[in-house]
Amino acid sequence: MSKNAEGQSPTRPVWGTVHYVEHGYSLPRTTIYQGIKDGLIESRVVGVTPDKRGRRVIRLESVDEFIRRSPSQSSSKMRRAMAKLAKASVVSKRIAKLSRRRGKRGAR
């Protein structure tokens, strides 16, 4: 860990916002919320009042543990499923593009 101007190691925050975790750990927002829902990532909502929704904060140590418990490689079953989803996404984009082209021709 790097040292600050006084030669001391900077203290790491204990809690962070979803934005902090999303950008600091490069985790997608959906993965963060799914981890919270599954009880794998610890979070709290602070500052809730009748006229305010509050802000969700996440315990960073639980994010570290979540990452440590994650597999280092995906299984072949997962890779096949992701390839199938990617192919379906490409096909649906092509269909949408063709539909837009046909719609422009009919508007003339």
N, C-alpha and C. Protein backbone atom coordinates (compact mmCIF):
# COMPACT_ATOMS: atom_id res chain seq x y z
N MET A 1 0.85 -1.18 0.00
CA MET A 1 0.00 0.00 0.00
C MET A 1 0.89 1.24 0.00
N SER A 2 0.49 2.29 -0.69
CA SER A 2 1.30 3.50 -0.77
C SER A 2 1.23 4.28 0.53
N LYS A 3 2.21 5.13 0.71
CA LYS A 3 2.30 5.94 1.93
C LYS A 3 1.87 7.37 1.62
N ASN A 4 1.33 8.06 2.62
CA ASN A 4 0.96 9.46 2.43
C ASN A 4 2.16 10.36 2.71
N ALA A 5 1.95 11.68 2.74
CA ALA A 5 3.04 12.63 2.92
C ALA A 5 3.77 12.44 4.25
N GLU A 6 3.08 11.97 5.27
CA GLU A 6 3.69 11.76 6.59
C GLU A 6 4.36 10.40 6.68
N GLY A 7 4.33 9.61 5.61
CA GLY A 7 4.95 8.30 5.62
C GLY A 7 4.10 7.21 6.25
N GLN A 8 2.82 7.50 6.47
CA GLN A 8 1.93 6.52 7.07
C GLN A 8 1.04 5.90 6.00
N SER A 9 0.63 4.66 6.23
CA SER A 9 -0.30 4.02 5.31
C SER A 9 -1.67 4.66 5.49
N PRO A 10 -2.35 5.00 4.39
CA PRO A 10 -3.68 5.61 4.52
C PRO A 10 -4.68 4.59 5.08
N THR A 11 -5.62 5.08 5.87
CA THR A 11 -6.63 4.17 6.41
C THR A 11 -7.68 3.92 5.33
N ARG A 12 -8.12 2.70 5.27
CA ARG A 12 -9.12 2.29 4.28
C ARG A 12 -10.49 2.49 4.90
N PRO A 13 -11.44 3.02 4.11
CA PRO A 13 -12.80 3.16 4.66
C PRO A 13 -13.41 1.79 4.94
N VAL A 14 -14.32 1.74 5.91
CA VAL A 14 -15.00 0.50 6.27
C VAL A 14 -16.24 0.33 5.41
N TRP A 15 -16.93 1.43 5.12
CA TRP A 15 -18.17 1.41 4.34
C TRP A 15 -17.99 2.27 3.09
N GLY A 16 -18.71 1.91 2.02
CA GLY A 16 -18.68 2.70 0.79
C GLY A 16 -20.04 2.67 0.12
N THR A 17 -20.28 3.62 -0.74
CA THR A 17 -21.54 3.67 -1.47
C THR A 17 -21.53 2.63 -2.60
N VAL A 18 -22.69 2.41 -3.19
CA VAL A 18 -22.77 1.50 -4.34
C VAL A 18 -21.87 2.02 -5.46
N HIS A 19 -21.89 3.32 -5.68
CA HIS A 19 -21.04 3.94 -6.70
C HIS A 19 -19.56 3.65 -6.42
N TYR A 20 -19.15 3.79 -5.18
CA TYR A 20 -17.76 3.53 -4.78
C TYR A 20 -17.38 2.09 -5.09
N VAL A 21 -18.24 1.14 -4.73
CA VAL A 21 -17.96 -0.28 -4.96
C VAL A 21 -17.97 -0.57 -6.46
N GLU A 22 -18.93 -0.01 -7.16
CA GLU A 22 -19.05 -0.24 -8.60
C GLU A 22 -17.77 0.19 -9.33
N HIS A 23 -17.25 1.36 -8.99
CA HIS A 23 -16.08 1.88 -9.68
C HIS A 23 -14.77 1.43 -9.05
N GLY A 24 -14.74 1.31 -7.73
CA GLY A 24 -13.51 0.91 -7.05
C GLY A 24 -13.17 -0.57 -7.24
N TYR A 25 -14.19 -1.40 -7.37
CA TYR A 25 -13.98 -2.84 -7.52
C TYR A 25 -14.29 -3.32 -8.93
N SER A 26 -14.76 -2.46 -9.79
CA SER A 26 -15.15 -2.80 -11.17
C SER A 26 -16.20 -3.91 -11.19
N LEU A 27 -17.17 -3.79 -10.30
CA LEU A 27 -18.28 -4.74 -10.26
C LEU A 27 -19.51 -4.09 -10.85
N PRO A 28 -20.25 -4.79 -11.69
CA PRO A 28 -21.50 -4.23 -12.22
C PRO A 28 -22.51 -3.99 -11.09
N ARG A 29 -23.30 -2.97 -11.24
CA ARG A 29 -24.32 -2.62 -10.24
C ARG A 29 -25.26 -3.79 -9.97
N THR A 30 -25.64 -4.53 -11.02
CA THR A 30 -26.55 -5.66 -10.83
C THR A 30 -25.90 -6.75 -9.98
N THR A 31 -24.61 -6.98 -10.15
CA THR A 31 -23.89 -7.97 -9.35
C THR A 31 -23.87 -7.55 -7.89
N ILE A 32 -23.67 -6.26 -7.64
CA ILE A 32 -23.65 -5.75 -6.26
C ILE A 32 -25.01 -5.98 -5.60
N TYR A 33 -26.08 -5.57 -6.28
CA TYR A 33 -27.42 -5.71 -5.69
C TYR A 33 -27.83 -7.18 -5.56
N GLN A 34 -27.39 -8.03 -6.48
CA GLN A 34 -27.69 -9.46 -6.36
C GLN A 34 -26.94 -10.04 -5.16
N GLY A 35 -25.70 -9.63 -4.95
CA GLY A 35 -24.94 -10.07 -3.78
C GLY A 35 -25.59 -9.63 -2.49
N ILE A 36 -26.15 -8.42 -2.47
CA ILE A 36 -26.88 -7.93 -1.30
C ILE A 36 -28.13 -8.77 -1.08
N LYS A 37 -28.88 -8.99 -2.17
CA LYS A 37 -30.12 -9.77 -2.08
C LYS A 37 -29.86 -11.19 -1.57
N ASP A 38 -28.77 -11.80 -2.03
CA ASP A 38 -28.42 -13.16 -1.65
C ASP A 38 -27.76 -13.24 -0.26
N GLY A 39 -27.52 -12.09 0.36
CA GLY A 39 -26.90 -12.07 1.68
C GLY A 39 -25.40 -12.25 1.65
N LEU A 40 -24.78 -12.11 0.49
CA LEU A 40 -23.34 -12.29 0.36
C LEU A 40 -22.57 -10.99 0.56
N ILE A 41 -23.25 -9.87 0.37
CA ILE A 41 -22.66 -8.55 0.57
C ILE A 41 -23.50 -7.83 1.61
N GLU A 42 -22.84 -7.30 2.64
CA GLU A 42 -23.54 -6.63 3.74
C GLU A 42 -23.75 -5.15 3.41
N SER A 43 -24.97 -4.68 3.62
CA SER A 43 -25.26 -3.27 3.36
C SER A 43 -26.28 -2.74 4.36
N ARG A 44 -26.36 -1.43 4.44
CA ARG A 44 -27.32 -0.73 5.29
C ARG A 44 -27.83 0.49 4.53
N VAL A 45 -29.01 0.94 4.89
CA VAL A 45 -29.53 2.20 4.35
C VAL A 45 -29.50 3.19 5.51
N VAL A 46 -28.78 4.29 5.32
CA VAL A 46 -28.62 5.29 6.38
C VAL A 46 -29.28 6.60 5.96
N GLY A 47 -29.65 7.38 6.95
CA GLY A 47 -30.23 8.68 6.70
C GLY A 47 -31.68 8.64 6.24
N VAL A 48 -32.41 7.61 6.63
CA VAL A 48 -33.81 7.49 6.23
C VAL A 48 -34.67 8.35 7.15
N THR A 49 -35.45 9.21 6.56
CA THR A 49 -36.43 10.03 7.28
C THR A 49 -37.73 9.95 6.50
N PRO A 50 -38.83 10.44 7.05
CA PRO A 50 -40.09 10.37 6.30
C PRO A 50 -40.05 11.06 4.93
N ASP A 51 -39.21 12.08 4.78
CA ASP A 51 -39.15 12.78 3.49
C ASP A 51 -37.90 12.45 2.67
N LYS A 52 -37.05 11.53 3.15
CA LYS A 52 -35.84 11.14 2.41
C LYS A 52 -35.73 9.62 2.34
N ARG A 53 -35.21 9.13 1.22
CA ARG A 53 -35.06 7.68 1.06
C ARG A 53 -33.82 7.15 1.73
N GLY A 54 -32.82 7.95 1.94
CA GLY A 54 -31.59 7.47 2.54
C GLY A 54 -30.57 7.06 1.49
N ARG A 55 -29.44 6.60 1.96
CA ARG A 55 -28.36 6.18 1.07
C ARG A 55 -27.88 4.81 1.49
N ARG A 56 -27.73 3.93 0.52
CA ARG A 56 -27.24 2.57 0.81
C ARG A 56 -25.72 2.61 0.90
N VAL A 57 -25.19 2.05 1.97
CA VAL A 57 -23.75 1.90 2.12
C VAL A 57 -23.43 0.41 2.25
N ILE A 58 -22.27 0.04 1.78
CA ILE A 58 -21.86 -1.36 1.72
C ILE A 58 -20.59 -1.56 2.53
N ARG A 59 -20.57 -2.62 3.31
CA ARG A 59 -19.38 -2.95 4.10
C ARG A 59 -18.34 -3.53 3.15
N LEU A 60 -17.23 -2.82 3.00
CA LEU A 60 -16.23 -3.17 2.00
C LEU A 60 -15.57 -4.52 2.28
N GLU A 61 -15.44 -4.88 3.54
CA GLU A 61 -14.86 -6.19 3.88
C GLU A 61 -15.73 -7.32 3.32
N SER A 62 -17.06 -7.11 3.30
CA SER A 62 -17.95 -8.14 2.75
C SER A 62 -17.79 -8.25 1.23
N VAL A 63 -17.45 -7.14 0.58
CA VAL A 63 -17.19 -7.17 -0.87
C VAL A 63 -15.90 -7.94 -1.14
N ASP A 64 -14.87 -7.70 -0.31
CA ASP A 64 -13.62 -8.44 -0.45
C ASP A 64 -13.87 -9.95 -0.31
N GLU A 65 -14.67 -10.32 0.69
CA GLU A 65 -14.99 -11.72 0.93
C GLU A 65 -15.80 -12.30 -0.24
N PHE A 66 -16.74 -11.51 -0.77
CA PHE A 66 -17.55 -11.92 -1.92
C PHE A 66 -16.64 -12.25 -3.11
N ILE A 67 -15.65 -11.41 -3.35
CA ILE A 67 -14.72 -11.63 -4.46
C ILE A 67 -13.86 -12.85 -4.19
N ARG A 68 -13.37 -13.01 -2.96
CA ARG A 68 -12.54 -14.17 -2.61
C ARG A 68 -13.30 -15.48 -2.81
N ARG A 69 -14.60 -15.49 -2.51
CA ARG A 69 -15.41 -16.70 -2.65
C ARG A 69 -15.82 -16.99 -4.09
N SER A 70 -15.70 -16.01 -4.96
CA SER A 70 -16.10 -16.20 -6.36
C SER A 70 -15.10 -17.12 -7.06
N PRO A 71 -15.58 -17.94 -7.99
CA PRO A 71 -14.66 -18.85 -8.69
C PRO A 71 -13.68 -18.05 -9.55
N SER A 72 -12.46 -18.57 -9.66
CA SER A 72 -11.45 -17.87 -10.47
C SER A 72 -11.69 -18.08 -11.96
N GLN A 73 -12.39 -19.17 -12.30
CA GLN A 73 -12.73 -19.43 -13.69
C GLN A 73 -14.17 -19.90 -13.75
N SER A 74 -14.82 -19.56 -14.85
CA SER A 74 -16.20 -20.02 -15.00
C SER A 74 -16.21 -21.46 -15.51
N SER A 75 -17.26 -22.17 -15.18
CA SER A 75 -17.39 -23.56 -15.62
C SER A 75 -17.74 -23.60 -17.11
N SER A 76 -17.54 -24.76 -17.71
CA SER A 76 -17.87 -24.90 -19.13
C SER A 76 -19.37 -24.70 -19.35
N LYS A 77 -20.17 -25.12 -18.38
CA LYS A 77 -21.63 -24.93 -18.48
C LYS A 77 -21.96 -23.43 -18.51
N MET A 78 -21.30 -22.65 -17.65
CA MET A 78 -21.53 -21.21 -17.62
C MET A 78 -21.06 -20.56 -18.92
N ARG A 79 -19.91 -20.98 -19.43
CA ARG A 79 -19.40 -20.42 -20.69
C ARG A 79 -20.36 -20.69 -21.84
N ARG A 80 -20.92 -21.91 -21.90
CA ARG A 80 -21.89 -22.23 -22.96
C ARG A 80 -23.15 -21.37 -22.83
N ALA A 81 -23.61 -21.21 -21.61
CA ALA A 81 -24.82 -20.39 -21.38
C ALA A 81 -24.57 -18.94 -21.79
N MET A 82 -23.40 -18.40 -21.44
CA MET A 82 -23.09 -17.01 -21.80
C MET A 82 -22.93 -16.85 -23.31
N ALA A 83 -22.33 -17.84 -23.98
CA ALA A 83 -22.19 -17.80 -25.44
C ALA A 83 -23.57 -17.81 -26.10
N LYS A 84 -24.48 -18.62 -25.57
CA LYS A 84 -25.84 -18.69 -26.11
C LYS A 84 -26.54 -17.35 -25.95
N LEU A 85 -26.39 -16.72 -24.78
CA LEU A 85 -27.00 -15.40 -24.55
C LEU A 85 -26.40 -14.35 -25.48
N ALA A 86 -25.09 -14.40 -25.68
CA ALA A 86 -24.44 -13.43 -26.56
C ALA A 86 -24.94 -13.59 -28.00
N LYS A 87 -25.08 -14.83 -28.44
CA LYS A 87 -25.57 -15.08 -29.80
C LYS A 87 -27.00 -14.57 -29.96
N ALA A 88 -27.84 -14.83 -28.96
CA ALA A 88 -29.22 -14.35 -29.00
C ALA A 88 -29.27 -12.83 -29.04
N SER A 89 -28.37 -12.18 -28.33
CA SER A 89 -28.32 -10.73 -28.32
C SER A 89 -27.95 -10.18 -29.69
N VAL A 90 -26.97 -10.80 -30.34
CA VAL A 90 -26.56 -10.37 -31.69
C VAL A 90 -27.71 -10.55 -32.67
N VAL A 91 -28.39 -11.68 -32.60
CA VAL A 91 -29.51 -11.95 -33.50
C VAL A 91 -30.62 -10.93 -33.29
N SER A 92 -30.95 -10.63 -32.04
CA SER A 92 -32.03 -9.67 -31.78
C SER A 92 -31.66 -8.27 -32.25
N LYS A 93 -30.37 -7.90 -32.15
CA LYS A 93 -29.94 -6.59 -32.65
C LYS A 93 -30.07 -6.53 -34.17
N ARG A 94 -29.74 -7.63 -34.85
CA ARG A 94 -29.87 -7.66 -36.32
C ARG A 94 -31.33 -7.53 -36.72
N ILE A 95 -32.20 -8.22 -36.02
CA ILE A 95 -33.64 -8.16 -36.33
C ILE A 95 -34.15 -6.73 -36.12
N ALA A 96 -33.74 -6.10 -35.03
CA ALA A 96 -34.17 -4.73 -34.75
C ALA A 96 -33.66 -3.77 -35.83
N LYS A 97 -32.43 -3.97 -36.26
CA LYS A 97 -31.86 -3.12 -37.29
C LYS A 97 -32.62 -3.27 -38.61
N LEU A 98 -32.93 -4.51 -38.98
CA LEU A 98 -33.71 -4.75 -40.20
C LEU A 98 -35.10 -4.14 -40.11
N SER A 99 -35.73 -4.24 -38.94
CA SER A 99 -37.06 -3.66 -38.75
C SER A 99 -37.02 -2.15 -38.92
N ARG A 100 -35.99 -1.51 -38.40
CA ARG A 100 -35.86 -0.05 -38.54
C ARG A 100 -35.69 0.33 -40.01
N ARG A 101 -34.89 -0.46 -40.74
CA ARG A 101 -34.68 -0.17 -42.17
C ARG A 101 -35.99 -0.29 -42.93
N ARG A 102 -36.74 -1.33 -42.65
CA ARG A 102 -38.03 -1.53 -43.34
C ARG A 102 -39.00 -0.41 -43.01
N GLY A 103 -38.95 0.05 -41.78
CA GLY A 103 -39.83 1.15 -41.36
C GLY A 103 -39.51 2.44 -42.09
N LYS A 104 -38.23 2.70 -42.36
CA LYS A 104 -37.81 3.91 -43.09
C LYS A 104 -38.25 3.84 -44.54
N ARG A 105 -38.17 2.66 -45.14
CA ARG A 105 -38.57 2.52 -46.55
C ARG A 105 -40.07 2.74 -46.71
N GLY A 106 -40.85 2.27 -45.74
CA GLY A 106 -42.30 2.41 -45.82
C GLY A 106 -42.76 3.84 -45.58
N ALA A 107 -41.92 4.66 -44.95
CA ALA A 107 -42.30 6.04 -44.62
C ALA A 107 -42.16 6.97 -45.82
N ARG A 108 -41.54 6.52 -46.89
CA ARG A 108 -41.31 7.41 -48.05
C ARG A 108 -42.52 7.66 -48.83
